[in-house]
Amino acid sequence: MHPNDRPLLAAAHQGDTSAVRGALAACAHVESRDDEGRTPLLPAARADRVDVAELLIAAGADPNARDTAGDTPWLAPGLTGSMPMLRALLPAGPDLSLTNRFGGTSLIPAAERGHVAYVRAVLRETGTGVDHVNRLGWTALLEAVILGDGGRAHQDTVELLITAGADPLFADHDGTTPLQHASRRGRDAIAGLPAATTRRVSAR
């Protein structure tokens, strides 16, 4: 390990832009790893330190570098919903097919959390598969319905997914569809979205 690798890792964890710049100038390895296998870009992405991430990416940081838990910098904005971090990472050429420890692409946790702007951008700009199934047997649509709170953000997320071609009849391992999950939870606004969305699309 280069003497400046640990300072670079510490600076990235702390979001210290000046210290990151100094460590890189002192020839620290941009792909150095901490005890959990994290490169400097991963904590920067998780903490939404776009300034730090941009410095690291300019130095050649890999958006696909996995830590020991299987997480990557590209997957982080799916959890946070950060559009600035999405914009910083996309030019670095992330592998959009990479999945997290649960077997989900970045779209699935974003849908679960109701990150509407992030979901919209990923669907429009990356070609990520809308009906990808994770290890739980859930698609982004199933996660948005099952784990979402049924509020406006999750309603908008569900509508975006259906408009993008998500199958509202794609059932989980128990044979329950997103519509059935929504009905059972009393989320009538979500349960009625497929028909309403279909009418709007047909009218265009």
N, C-alpha and C. Protein backbone atom coordinates (compact mmCIF):
# COMPACT_ATOMS: atom_id res chain seq x y z
N MET A 1 0.85 -1.21 0.00
CA MET A 1 0.00 0.00 0.00
C MET A 1 0.88 1.25 0.00
N HIS A 2 0.52 2.20 -0.86
CA HIS A 2 1.26 3.46 -0.91
C HIS A 2 1.04 4.23 0.40
N PRO A 3 2.05 4.95 0.90
CA PRO A 3 1.90 5.69 2.16
C PRO A 3 0.71 6.64 2.18
N ASN A 4 0.29 7.13 1.02
CA ASN A 4 -0.82 8.08 0.98
C ASN A 4 -2.18 7.44 0.72
N ASP A 5 -2.22 6.10 0.63
CA ASP A 5 -3.50 5.43 0.39
C ASP A 5 -4.44 5.58 1.58
N ARG A 6 -3.92 5.36 2.78
CA ARG A 6 -4.80 5.48 3.95
C ARG A 6 -5.31 6.91 4.15
N PRO A 7 -4.46 7.91 3.97
CA PRO A 7 -4.99 9.29 4.03
C PRO A 7 -6.07 9.56 2.98
N LEU A 8 -5.91 8.96 1.79
CA LEU A 8 -6.94 9.15 0.76
C LEU A 8 -8.25 8.51 1.20
N LEU A 9 -8.17 7.30 1.72
CA LEU A 9 -9.38 6.61 2.17
C LEU A 9 -10.05 7.39 3.30
N ALA A 10 -9.25 7.87 4.25
CA ALA A 10 -9.81 8.64 5.36
C ALA A 10 -10.45 9.93 4.87
N ALA A 11 -9.80 10.61 3.93
CA ALA A 11 -10.34 11.86 3.41
C ALA A 11 -11.64 11.63 2.67
N ALA A 12 -11.72 10.53 1.92
CA ALA A 12 -12.96 10.22 1.20
C ALA A 12 -14.09 9.93 2.17
N HIS A 13 -13.79 9.18 3.23
CA HIS A 13 -14.82 8.89 4.25
C HIS A 13 -15.30 10.18 4.92
N GLN A 14 -14.39 11.12 5.12
CA GLN A 14 -14.73 12.37 5.80
C GLN A 14 -15.31 13.42 4.85
N GLY A 15 -15.23 13.15 3.55
CA GLY A 15 -15.71 14.13 2.58
C GLY A 15 -14.83 15.36 2.50
N ASP A 16 -13.53 15.18 2.75
CA ASP A 16 -12.58 16.29 2.77
C ASP A 16 -11.97 16.45 1.37
N THR A 17 -12.53 17.37 0.61
CA THR A 17 -12.10 17.55 -0.78
C THR A 17 -10.63 17.94 -0.89
N SER A 18 -10.18 18.85 -0.05
CA SER A 18 -8.79 19.30 -0.11
C SER A 18 -7.83 18.16 0.18
N ALA A 19 -8.16 17.35 1.19
CA ALA A 19 -7.29 16.24 1.55
C ALA A 19 -7.29 15.16 0.47
N VAL A 20 -8.43 14.95 -0.17
CA VAL A 20 -8.50 14.00 -1.29
C VAL A 20 -7.60 14.49 -2.42
N ARG A 21 -7.71 15.77 -2.75
CA ARG A 21 -6.89 16.33 -3.82
C ARG A 21 -5.40 16.20 -3.49
N GLY A 22 -5.04 16.46 -2.24
CA GLY A 22 -3.65 16.37 -1.83
C GLY A 22 -3.12 14.94 -1.89
N ALA A 23 -3.94 13.98 -1.45
CA ALA A 23 -3.51 12.58 -1.46
C ALA A 23 -3.33 12.09 -2.89
N LEU A 24 -4.22 12.49 -3.77
CA LEU A 24 -4.09 12.09 -5.17
C LEU A 24 -2.84 12.71 -5.80
N ALA A 25 -2.58 13.97 -5.46
CA ALA A 25 -1.38 14.63 -5.99
C ALA A 25 -0.11 13.96 -5.47
N ALA A 26 -0.22 13.33 -4.29
CA ALA A 26 0.93 12.64 -3.70
C ALA A 26 0.99 11.17 -4.13
N CYS A 27 0.26 10.85 -5.19
CA CYS A 27 0.33 9.52 -5.83
C CYS A 27 -0.37 8.40 -5.05
N ALA A 28 -1.36 8.76 -4.24
CA ALA A 28 -2.17 7.71 -3.62
C ALA A 28 -2.92 6.95 -4.71
N HIS A 29 -3.18 5.68 -4.48
CA HIS A 29 -3.89 4.86 -5.46
C HIS A 29 -5.39 5.12 -5.36
N VAL A 30 -6.00 5.51 -6.46
CA VAL A 30 -7.42 5.84 -6.45
C VAL A 30 -8.28 4.61 -6.18
N GLU A 31 -7.72 3.42 -6.43
CA GLU A 31 -8.45 2.18 -6.16
C GLU A 31 -7.97 1.48 -4.89
N SER A 32 -7.31 2.20 -4.00
CA SER A 32 -6.93 1.62 -2.72
C SER A 32 -8.18 1.21 -1.96
N ARG A 33 -8.04 0.24 -1.06
CA ARG A 33 -9.21 -0.30 -0.37
C ARG A 33 -9.01 -0.31 1.15
N ASP A 34 -10.12 -0.09 1.86
CA ASP A 34 -10.08 -0.17 3.32
C ASP A 34 -10.32 -1.61 3.76
N ASP A 35 -10.49 -1.81 5.06
CA ASP A 35 -10.62 -3.17 5.58
C ASP A 35 -11.90 -3.86 5.14
N GLU A 36 -12.86 -3.09 4.64
CA GLU A 36 -14.11 -3.68 4.15
C GLU A 36 -14.15 -3.72 2.62
N GLY A 37 -12.99 -3.53 2.01
CA GLY A 37 -12.90 -3.63 0.56
C GLY A 37 -13.46 -2.44 -0.19
N ARG A 38 -13.70 -1.33 0.51
CA ARG A 38 -14.27 -0.14 -0.13
C ARG A 38 -13.17 0.74 -0.71
N THR A 39 -13.35 1.11 -1.98
CA THR A 39 -12.47 2.11 -2.58
C THR A 39 -12.95 3.49 -2.13
N PRO A 40 -12.13 4.53 -2.31
CA PRO A 40 -12.54 5.86 -1.85
C PRO A 40 -13.86 6.34 -2.47
N LEU A 41 -14.17 5.91 -3.68
CA LEU A 41 -15.37 6.41 -4.34
C LEU A 41 -16.65 5.94 -3.66
N LEU A 42 -16.65 4.76 -3.06
CA LEU A 42 -17.88 4.24 -2.47
C LEU A 42 -18.38 5.09 -1.29
N PRO A 43 -17.57 5.40 -0.28
CA PRO A 43 -18.08 6.26 0.79
C PRO A 43 -18.47 7.65 0.30
N ALA A 44 -17.75 8.15 -0.70
CA ALA A 44 -18.12 9.45 -1.26
C ALA A 44 -19.50 9.39 -1.90
N ALA A 45 -19.77 8.30 -2.62
CA ALA A 45 -21.08 8.15 -3.27
C ALA A 45 -22.17 7.97 -2.23
N ARG A 46 -21.90 7.21 -1.20
CA ARG A 46 -22.91 6.99 -0.16
C ARG A 46 -23.25 8.26 0.59
N ALA A 47 -22.24 9.10 0.82
CA ALA A 47 -22.45 10.34 1.57
C ALA A 47 -22.86 11.50 0.67
N ASP A 48 -23.02 11.22 -0.62
CA ASP A 48 -23.41 12.24 -1.60
C ASP A 48 -22.42 13.39 -1.65
N ARG A 49 -21.14 13.05 -1.53
CA ARG A 49 -20.08 14.05 -1.68
C ARG A 49 -19.67 14.11 -3.15
N VAL A 50 -20.45 14.85 -3.91
CA VAL A 50 -20.26 14.91 -5.35
C VAL A 50 -18.91 15.51 -5.70
N ASP A 51 -18.47 16.51 -4.95
CA ASP A 51 -17.18 17.14 -5.22
C ASP A 51 -16.05 16.13 -5.09
N VAL A 52 -16.11 15.31 -4.04
CA VAL A 52 -15.09 14.28 -3.85
C VAL A 52 -15.18 13.23 -4.95
N ALA A 53 -16.40 12.81 -5.25
CA ALA A 53 -16.60 11.79 -6.28
C ALA A 53 -16.06 12.26 -7.62
N GLU A 54 -16.28 13.50 -7.96
CA GLU A 54 -15.81 14.02 -9.24
C GLU A 54 -14.28 14.02 -9.31
N LEU A 55 -13.63 14.36 -8.20
CA LEU A 55 -12.17 14.30 -8.16
C LEU A 55 -11.66 12.88 -8.39
N LEU A 56 -12.31 11.93 -7.71
CA LEU A 56 -11.89 10.53 -7.81
C LEU A 56 -12.14 9.98 -9.22
N ILE A 57 -13.29 10.33 -9.78
CA ILE A 57 -13.61 9.85 -11.14
C ILE A 57 -12.63 10.43 -12.15
N ALA A 58 -12.28 11.70 -11.99
CA ALA A 58 -11.30 12.32 -12.89
C ALA A 58 -9.95 11.63 -12.80
N ALA A 59 -9.69 11.04 -11.63
CA ALA A 59 -8.42 10.33 -11.42
C ALA A 59 -8.51 8.86 -11.85
N GLY A 60 -9.69 8.45 -12.37
CA GLY A 60 -9.83 7.10 -12.89
C GLY A 60 -10.54 6.12 -11.99
N ALA A 61 -11.25 6.60 -10.97
CA ALA A 61 -11.94 5.69 -10.06
C ALA A 61 -12.99 4.87 -10.78
N ASP A 62 -13.11 3.62 -10.38
CA ASP A 62 -14.00 2.65 -11.01
C ASP A 62 -15.37 2.68 -10.34
N PRO A 63 -16.45 3.05 -11.05
CA PRO A 63 -17.79 3.07 -10.43
C PRO A 63 -18.34 1.68 -10.15
N ASN A 64 -17.64 0.65 -10.63
CA ASN A 64 -18.12 -0.73 -10.47
C ASN A 64 -17.36 -1.51 -9.39
N ALA A 65 -16.43 -0.87 -8.69
CA ALA A 65 -15.61 -1.58 -7.71
C ALA A 65 -16.46 -2.05 -6.54
N ARG A 66 -16.47 -3.36 -6.31
CA ARG A 66 -17.29 -3.95 -5.24
C ARG A 66 -16.52 -3.99 -3.92
N ASP A 67 -17.23 -3.76 -2.82
CA ASP A 67 -16.65 -4.00 -1.52
C ASP A 67 -16.97 -5.43 -1.08
N THR A 68 -16.61 -5.79 0.14
CA THR A 68 -16.81 -7.17 0.57
C THR A 68 -18.28 -7.53 0.73
N ALA A 69 -19.15 -6.53 0.85
CA ALA A 69 -20.59 -6.78 0.96
C ALA A 69 -21.27 -6.82 -0.41
N GLY A 70 -20.50 -6.54 -1.47
CA GLY A 70 -21.06 -6.58 -2.81
C GLY A 70 -21.61 -5.26 -3.31
N ASP A 71 -21.40 -4.19 -2.54
CA ASP A 71 -21.90 -2.88 -2.97
C ASP A 71 -20.88 -2.18 -3.87
N THR A 72 -21.37 -1.29 -4.72
CA THR A 72 -20.50 -0.52 -5.63
C THR A 72 -20.90 0.95 -5.58
N PRO A 73 -20.00 1.84 -6.02
CA PRO A 73 -20.36 3.25 -6.06
C PRO A 73 -21.61 3.53 -6.89
N TRP A 74 -21.76 2.85 -8.03
CA TRP A 74 -22.92 3.09 -8.87
C TRP A 74 -24.23 2.74 -8.17
N LEU A 75 -24.22 1.72 -7.34
CA LEU A 75 -25.44 1.30 -6.66
C LEU A 75 -25.86 2.27 -5.55
N ALA A 76 -24.91 3.05 -5.04
CA ALA A 76 -25.21 3.93 -3.91
C ALA A 76 -26.33 4.94 -4.17
N PRO A 77 -26.36 5.64 -5.31
CA PRO A 77 -27.44 6.61 -5.51
C PRO A 77 -28.83 5.98 -5.62
N GLY A 78 -28.89 4.67 -5.90
CA GLY A 78 -30.18 4.01 -5.87
C GLY A 78 -30.78 4.03 -4.48
N LEU A 79 -29.91 4.03 -3.47
CA LEU A 79 -30.37 4.10 -2.08
C LEU A 79 -30.65 5.55 -1.66
N THR A 80 -29.79 6.46 -2.07
CA THR A 80 -29.94 7.85 -1.62
C THR A 80 -30.87 8.67 -2.50
N GLY A 81 -31.00 8.25 -3.77
CA GLY A 81 -31.82 9.03 -4.71
C GLY A 81 -31.13 10.28 -5.20
N SER A 82 -29.82 10.38 -5.02
CA SER A 82 -29.10 11.60 -5.38
C SER A 82 -28.96 11.77 -6.89
N MET A 83 -29.59 12.79 -7.42
CA MET A 83 -29.44 13.09 -8.83
C MET A 83 -28.05 13.66 -9.15
N PRO A 84 -27.48 14.54 -8.32
CA PRO A 84 -26.13 15.02 -8.62
C PRO A 84 -25.11 13.88 -8.67
N MET A 85 -25.24 12.89 -7.78
CA MET A 85 -24.31 11.76 -7.81
C MET A 85 -24.56 10.89 -9.04
N LEU A 86 -25.81 10.72 -9.41
CA LEU A 86 -26.12 10.01 -10.65
C LEU A 86 -25.41 10.67 -11.83
N ARG A 87 -25.50 12.00 -11.90
CA ARG A 87 -24.89 12.74 -13.01
C ARG A 87 -23.36 12.64 -12.97
N ALA A 88 -22.80 12.56 -11.77
CA ALA A 88 -21.35 12.44 -11.65
C ALA A 88 -20.85 11.07 -12.08
N LEU A 89 -21.63 10.02 -11.78
CA LEU A 89 -21.18 8.65 -12.02
C LEU A 89 -21.45 8.16 -13.44
N LEU A 90 -22.52 8.62 -14.06
CA LEU A 90 -22.86 8.10 -15.39
C LEU A 90 -21.74 8.27 -16.43
N PRO A 91 -21.07 9.42 -16.47
CA PRO A 91 -20.00 9.56 -17.47
C PRO A 91 -18.83 8.60 -17.25
N ALA A 92 -18.74 8.02 -16.04
CA ALA A 92 -17.64 7.08 -15.75
C ALA A 92 -17.92 5.70 -16.33
N GLY A 93 -19.08 5.52 -16.96
CA GLY A 93 -19.39 4.26 -17.62
C GLY A 93 -19.69 3.10 -16.68
N PRO A 94 -20.59 3.28 -15.71
CA PRO A 94 -20.90 2.18 -14.80
C PRO A 94 -21.56 1.01 -15.53
N ASP A 95 -21.37 -0.18 -14.99
CA ASP A 95 -22.04 -1.37 -15.51
C ASP A 95 -23.45 -1.39 -14.92
N LEU A 96 -24.43 -1.08 -15.74
CA LEU A 96 -25.81 -0.93 -15.27
C LEU A 96 -26.44 -2.25 -14.88
N SER A 97 -25.80 -3.35 -15.27
CA SER A 97 -26.37 -4.67 -14.94
C SER A 97 -25.92 -5.17 -13.58
N LEU A 98 -24.97 -4.49 -12.94
CA LEU A 98 -24.49 -4.95 -11.64
C LEU A 98 -25.62 -4.90 -10.61
N THR A 99 -25.62 -5.88 -9.71
CA THR A 99 -26.67 -5.97 -8.70
C THR A 99 -26.07 -5.90 -7.30
N ASN A 100 -26.90 -5.54 -6.33
CA ASN A 100 -26.46 -5.45 -4.95
C ASN A 100 -26.53 -6.82 -4.27
N ARG A 101 -26.31 -6.85 -2.97
CA ARG A 101 -26.28 -8.12 -2.24
C ARG A 101 -27.62 -8.85 -2.29
N PHE A 102 -28.68 -8.14 -2.60
CA PHE A 102 -30.01 -8.75 -2.70
C PHE A 102 -30.36 -9.13 -4.13
N GLY A 103 -29.41 -8.93 -5.04
CA GLY A 103 -29.66 -9.28 -6.44
C GLY A 103 -30.45 -8.24 -7.21
N GLY A 104 -30.51 -7.02 -6.70
CA GLY A 104 -31.28 -5.97 -7.36
C GLY A 104 -30.40 -4.94 -8.04
N THR A 105 -30.86 -4.42 -9.17
CA THR A 105 -30.19 -3.28 -9.80
C THR A 105 -30.50 -2.02 -9.00
N SER A 106 -29.86 -0.92 -9.36
CA SER A 106 -30.06 0.33 -8.61
C SER A 106 -31.51 0.80 -8.66
N LEU A 107 -32.25 0.39 -9.68
CA LEU A 107 -33.64 0.82 -9.82
C LEU A 107 -34.52 0.29 -8.69
N ILE A 108 -34.23 -0.90 -8.20
CA ILE A 108 -35.12 -1.53 -7.22
C ILE A 108 -35.12 -0.81 -5.88
N PRO A 109 -33.98 -0.55 -5.24
CA PRO A 109 -34.03 0.21 -3.99
C PRO A 109 -34.56 1.64 -4.18
N ALA A 110 -34.30 2.21 -5.36
CA ALA A 110 -34.82 3.56 -5.62
C ALA A 110 -36.34 3.55 -5.66
N ALA A 111 -36.91 2.52 -6.28
CA ALA A 111 -38.36 2.40 -6.33
C ALA A 111 -38.93 2.14 -4.94
N GLU A 112 -38.25 1.31 -4.18
CA GLU A 112 -38.70 1.02 -2.81
C GLU A 112 -38.80 2.29 -1.97
N ARG A 113 -37.83 3.19 -2.15
CA ARG A 113 -37.78 4.42 -1.34
C ARG A 113 -38.55 5.57 -1.95
N GLY A 114 -39.09 5.39 -3.14
CA GLY A 114 -39.87 6.45 -3.77
C GLY A 114 -39.03 7.60 -4.25
N HIS A 115 -37.82 7.31 -4.74
CA HIS A 115 -36.95 8.36 -5.29
C HIS A 115 -37.38 8.64 -6.73
N VAL A 116 -38.39 9.47 -6.87
CA VAL A 116 -39.07 9.66 -8.15
C VAL A 116 -38.13 10.17 -9.23
N ALA A 117 -37.37 11.23 -8.96
CA ALA A 117 -36.49 11.81 -9.97
C ALA A 117 -35.44 10.80 -10.42
N TYR A 118 -34.89 10.05 -9.47
CA TYR A 118 -33.88 9.05 -9.81
C TYR A 118 -34.49 7.95 -10.68
N VAL A 119 -35.64 7.45 -10.28
CA VAL A 119 -36.31 6.40 -11.06
C VAL A 119 -36.58 6.89 -12.47
N ARG A 120 -37.08 8.11 -12.60
CA ARG A 120 -37.38 8.67 -13.92
C ARG A 120 -36.11 8.73 -14.78
N ALA A 121 -35.02 9.22 -14.20
CA ALA A 121 -33.78 9.36 -14.97
C ALA A 121 -33.22 8.01 -15.38
N VAL A 122 -33.22 7.05 -14.49
CA VAL A 122 -32.67 5.72 -14.81
C VAL A 122 -33.50 5.06 -15.91
N LEU A 123 -34.81 5.19 -15.82
CA LEU A 123 -35.67 4.58 -16.84
C LEU A 123 -35.48 5.24 -18.20
N ARG A 124 -35.33 6.54 -18.21
CA ARG A 124 -35.22 7.27 -19.49
C ARG A 124 -33.83 7.20 -20.11
N GLU A 125 -32.81 7.14 -19.27
CA GLU A 125 -31.45 7.37 -19.77
C GLU A 125 -30.53 6.16 -19.76
N THR A 126 -30.89 5.08 -19.08
CA THR A 126 -29.92 3.99 -18.94
C THR A 126 -30.35 2.68 -19.57
N GLY A 127 -31.64 2.50 -19.82
CA GLY A 127 -32.08 1.23 -20.38
C GLY A 127 -32.06 0.09 -19.37
N THR A 128 -32.01 0.41 -18.09
CA THR A 128 -32.05 -0.63 -17.06
C THR A 128 -33.36 -1.41 -17.16
N GLY A 129 -33.27 -2.73 -17.07
CA GLY A 129 -34.45 -3.57 -17.20
C GLY A 129 -35.49 -3.28 -16.12
N VAL A 130 -36.68 -2.93 -16.53
CA VAL A 130 -37.71 -2.51 -15.58
C VAL A 130 -38.30 -3.69 -14.81
N ASP A 131 -38.22 -4.89 -15.37
CA ASP A 131 -38.78 -6.06 -14.70
C ASP A 131 -37.70 -7.01 -14.18
N HIS A 132 -36.51 -6.47 -13.89
CA HIS A 132 -35.47 -7.30 -13.28
C HIS A 132 -35.97 -7.83 -11.94
N VAL A 133 -35.69 -9.09 -11.65
CA VAL A 133 -36.16 -9.75 -10.43
C VAL A 133 -34.99 -9.98 -9.49
N ASN A 134 -35.13 -9.56 -8.23
CA ASN A 134 -34.05 -9.78 -7.27
C ASN A 134 -34.21 -11.13 -6.56
N ARG A 135 -33.37 -11.39 -5.57
CA ARG A 135 -33.37 -12.70 -4.93
C ARG A 135 -34.61 -12.96 -4.09
N LEU A 136 -35.33 -11.90 -3.78
CA LEU A 136 -36.60 -12.07 -3.06
C LEU A 136 -37.74 -12.42 -4.00
N GLY A 137 -37.45 -12.36 -5.30
CA GLY A 137 -38.49 -12.59 -6.28
C GLY A 137 -39.30 -11.36 -6.59
N TRP A 138 -38.73 -10.19 -6.27
CA TRP A 138 -39.45 -8.93 -6.44
C TRP A 138 -38.83 -8.07 -7.54
N THR A 139 -39.69 -7.43 -8.31
CA THR A 139 -39.28 -6.41 -9.27
C THR A 139 -39.32 -5.04 -8.58
N ALA A 140 -38.89 -4.02 -9.31
CA ALA A 140 -38.98 -2.66 -8.77
C ALA A 140 -40.43 -2.30 -8.45
N LEU A 141 -41.37 -2.74 -9.29
CA LEU A 141 -42.77 -2.44 -9.07
C LEU A 141 -43.28 -3.11 -7.80
N LEU A 142 -42.91 -4.36 -7.60
CA LEU A 142 -43.32 -5.07 -6.39
C LEU A 142 -42.75 -4.38 -5.15
N GLU A 143 -41.49 -3.98 -5.20
CA GLU A 143 -40.89 -3.32 -4.03
C GLU A 143 -41.56 -1.98 -3.74
N ALA A 144 -41.88 -1.23 -4.80
CA ALA A 144 -42.53 0.06 -4.59
C ALA A 144 -43.88 -0.11 -3.90
N VAL A 145 -44.59 -1.18 -4.26
CA VAL A 145 -45.92 -1.42 -3.69
C VAL A 145 -45.82 -2.04 -2.30
N ILE A 146 -44.98 -3.05 -2.15
CA ILE A 146 -44.90 -3.79 -0.89
C ILE A 146 -44.22 -3.00 0.21
N LEU A 147 -43.11 -2.34 -0.11
CA LEU A 147 -42.31 -1.66 0.90
C LEU A 147 -42.53 -0.16 0.93
N GLY A 148 -43.21 0.39 -0.07
CA GLY A 148 -43.51 1.82 -0.07
C GLY A 148 -44.64 2.15 0.89
N ASP A 149 -44.84 3.44 1.12
CA ASP A 149 -45.89 3.85 2.07
C ASP A 149 -47.21 4.19 1.39
N GLY A 150 -47.26 4.05 0.05
CA GLY A 150 -48.50 4.32 -0.66
C GLY A 150 -48.78 5.79 -0.90
N GLY A 151 -47.85 6.65 -0.49
CA GLY A 151 -48.04 8.09 -0.66
C GLY A 151 -47.74 8.57 -2.07
N ARG A 152 -47.72 9.89 -2.23
CA ARG A 152 -47.57 10.47 -3.55
C ARG A 152 -46.28 10.02 -4.24
N ALA A 153 -45.16 10.00 -3.51
CA ALA A 153 -43.90 9.61 -4.15
C ALA A 153 -43.97 8.20 -4.68
N HIS A 154 -44.56 7.29 -3.93
CA HIS A 154 -44.65 5.91 -4.40
C HIS A 154 -45.71 5.75 -5.48
N GLN A 155 -46.75 6.56 -5.44
CA GLN A 155 -47.73 6.54 -6.54
C GLN A 155 -47.04 6.98 -7.84
N ASP A 156 -46.26 8.06 -7.76
CA ASP A 156 -45.56 8.54 -8.96
C ASP A 156 -44.55 7.51 -9.44
N THR A 157 -43.88 6.85 -8.51
CA THR A 157 -42.90 5.83 -8.87
C THR A 157 -43.57 4.68 -9.60
N VAL A 158 -44.68 4.21 -9.05
CA VAL A 158 -45.42 3.12 -9.69
C VAL A 158 -45.86 3.52 -11.10
N GLU A 159 -46.36 4.74 -11.24
CA GLU A 159 -46.81 5.19 -12.56
C GLU A 159 -45.65 5.24 -13.55
N LEU A 160 -44.49 5.72 -13.10
CA LEU A 160 -43.32 5.75 -13.97
C LEU A 160 -42.93 4.34 -14.42
N LEU A 161 -42.93 3.41 -13.50
CA LEU A 161 -42.54 2.04 -13.82
C LEU A 161 -43.52 1.41 -14.81
N ILE A 162 -44.81 1.61 -14.59
CA ILE A 162 -45.81 1.02 -15.49
C ILE A 162 -45.72 1.66 -16.87
N THR A 163 -45.54 2.98 -16.91
CA THR A 163 -45.41 3.67 -18.19
C THR A 163 -44.19 3.15 -18.95
N ALA A 164 -43.14 2.78 -18.20
CA ALA A 164 -41.92 2.28 -18.83
C ALA A 164 -42.02 0.81 -19.22
N GLY A 165 -43.16 0.19 -18.93
CA GLY A 165 -43.37 -1.19 -19.36
C GLY A 165 -43.36 -2.23 -18.27
N ALA A 166 -43.28 -1.81 -16.99
CA ALA A 166 -43.32 -2.79 -15.91
C ALA A 166 -44.65 -3.54 -15.94
N ASP A 167 -44.58 -4.83 -15.70
CA ASP A 167 -45.77 -5.69 -15.77
C ASP A 167 -46.51 -5.68 -14.44
N PRO A 168 -47.69 -5.07 -14.36
CA PRO A 168 -48.43 -5.02 -13.09
C PRO A 168 -48.99 -6.37 -12.68
N LEU A 169 -48.90 -7.36 -13.56
CA LEU A 169 -49.38 -8.71 -13.23
C LEU A 169 -48.24 -9.68 -12.95
N PHE A 170 -47.01 -9.16 -12.89
CA PHE A 170 -45.85 -10.01 -12.60
C PHE A 170 -45.89 -10.36 -11.11
N ALA A 171 -46.13 -11.62 -10.80
CA ALA A 171 -46.35 -12.04 -9.41
C ALA A 171 -45.04 -12.36 -8.69
N ASP A 172 -45.08 -12.27 -7.37
CA ASP A 172 -43.93 -12.67 -6.56
C ASP A 172 -43.90 -14.18 -6.40
N HIS A 173 -42.99 -14.70 -5.56
CA HIS A 173 -42.85 -16.15 -5.40
C HIS A 173 -44.12 -16.80 -4.85
N ASP A 174 -44.94 -16.00 -4.18
CA ASP A 174 -46.19 -16.54 -3.62
C ASP A 174 -47.36 -16.42 -4.58
N GLY A 175 -47.09 -15.89 -5.78
CA GLY A 175 -48.15 -15.75 -6.77
C GLY A 175 -48.99 -14.51 -6.61
N THR A 176 -48.52 -13.56 -5.80
CA THR A 176 -49.28 -12.33 -5.56
C THR A 176 -48.74 -11.22 -6.46
N THR A 177 -49.62 -10.56 -7.19
CA THR A 177 -49.22 -9.50 -8.10
C THR A 177 -49.13 -8.15 -7.37
N PRO A 178 -48.46 -7.17 -7.98
CA PRO A 178 -48.42 -5.84 -7.37
C PRO A 178 -49.81 -5.27 -7.12
N LEU A 179 -50.75 -5.50 -8.04
CA LEU A 179 -52.11 -4.99 -7.86
C LEU A 179 -52.78 -5.62 -6.65
N GLN A 180 -52.56 -6.91 -6.48
CA GLN A 180 -53.16 -7.59 -5.32
C GLN A 180 -52.54 -7.10 -4.02
N HIS A 181 -51.24 -6.88 -4.03
CA HIS A 181 -50.59 -6.34 -2.82
C HIS A 181 -51.15 -4.96 -2.50
N ALA A 182 -51.33 -4.13 -3.52
CA ALA A 182 -51.85 -2.78 -3.29
C ALA A 182 -53.27 -2.84 -2.73
N SER A 183 -54.11 -3.71 -3.30
CA SER A 183 -55.50 -3.84 -2.84
C SER A 183 -55.55 -4.32 -1.40
N ARG A 184 -54.72 -5.29 -1.07
CA ARG A 184 -54.72 -5.83 0.29
C ARG A 184 -54.29 -4.80 1.32
N ARG A 185 -53.48 -3.84 0.88
CA ARG A 185 -53.01 -2.80 1.79
C ARG A 185 -53.92 -1.57 1.78
N GLY A 186 -55.00 -1.64 1.04
CA GLY A 186 -55.93 -0.53 0.98
C GLY A 186 -55.41 0.67 0.23
N ARG A 187 -54.45 0.44 -0.68
CA ARG A 187 -53.86 1.54 -1.43
C ARG A 187 -54.55 1.63 -2.79
N ASP A 188 -55.76 2.17 -2.74
CA ASP A 188 -56.60 2.21 -3.94
C ASP A 188 -56.00 3.07 -5.05
N ALA A 189 -55.30 4.14 -4.66
CA ALA A 189 -54.71 5.02 -5.67
C ALA A 189 -53.67 4.27 -6.50
N ILE A 190 -52.91 3.40 -5.86
CA ILE A 190 -51.91 2.61 -6.57
C ILE A 190 -52.58 1.47 -7.34
N ALA A 191 -53.53 0.82 -6.73
CA ALA A 191 -54.22 -0.29 -7.40
C ALA A 191 -54.89 0.15 -8.70
N GLY A 192 -55.33 1.42 -8.77
CA GLY A 192 -56.00 1.91 -9.96
C GLY A 192 -55.07 2.50 -11.00
N LEU A 193 -53.76 2.56 -10.69
CA LEU A 193 -52.84 3.20 -11.63
C LEU A 193 -52.67 2.47 -12.95
N PRO A 194 -52.60 1.15 -13.00
CA PRO A 194 -52.40 0.51 -14.31
C PRO A 194 -53.46 0.88 -15.34
N ALA A 195 -54.73 0.86 -14.94
CA ALA A 195 -55.79 1.19 -15.88
C ALA A 195 -55.72 2.66 -16.29
N ALA A 196 -55.46 3.53 -15.31
CA ALA A 196 -55.39 4.96 -15.62
C ALA A 196 -54.22 5.27 -16.54
N THR A 197 -53.09 4.61 -16.27
CA THR A 197 -51.90 4.83 -17.10
C THR A 197 -52.13 4.33 -18.51
N THR A 198 -52.75 3.18 -18.63
CA THR A 198 -53.04 2.62 -19.95
C THR A 198 -53.93 3.55 -20.75
N ARG A 199 -54.93 4.15 -20.10
CA ARG A 199 -55.83 5.07 -20.80
C ARG A 199 -55.06 6.29 -21.29
N ARG A 200 -54.16 6.83 -20.47
CA ARG A 200 -53.41 8.01 -20.86
C ARG A 200 -52.47 7.71 -22.03
N VAL A 201 -51.78 6.57 -21.94
CA VAL A 201 -50.86 6.21 -23.02
C VAL A 201 -51.61 5.98 -24.31
N SER A 202 -52.79 5.33 -24.24
CA SER A 202 -53.57 5.05 -25.43
C SER A 202 -54.11 6.33 -26.07
N ALA A 203 -54.32 7.35 -25.25
CA ALA A 203 -54.89 8.60 -25.76
C ALA A 203 -53.86 9.48 -26.46
N ARG A 204 -52.58 9.16 -26.33
CA ARG A 204 -51.54 10.00 -26.94
C ARG A 204 -51.49 9.85 -28.45
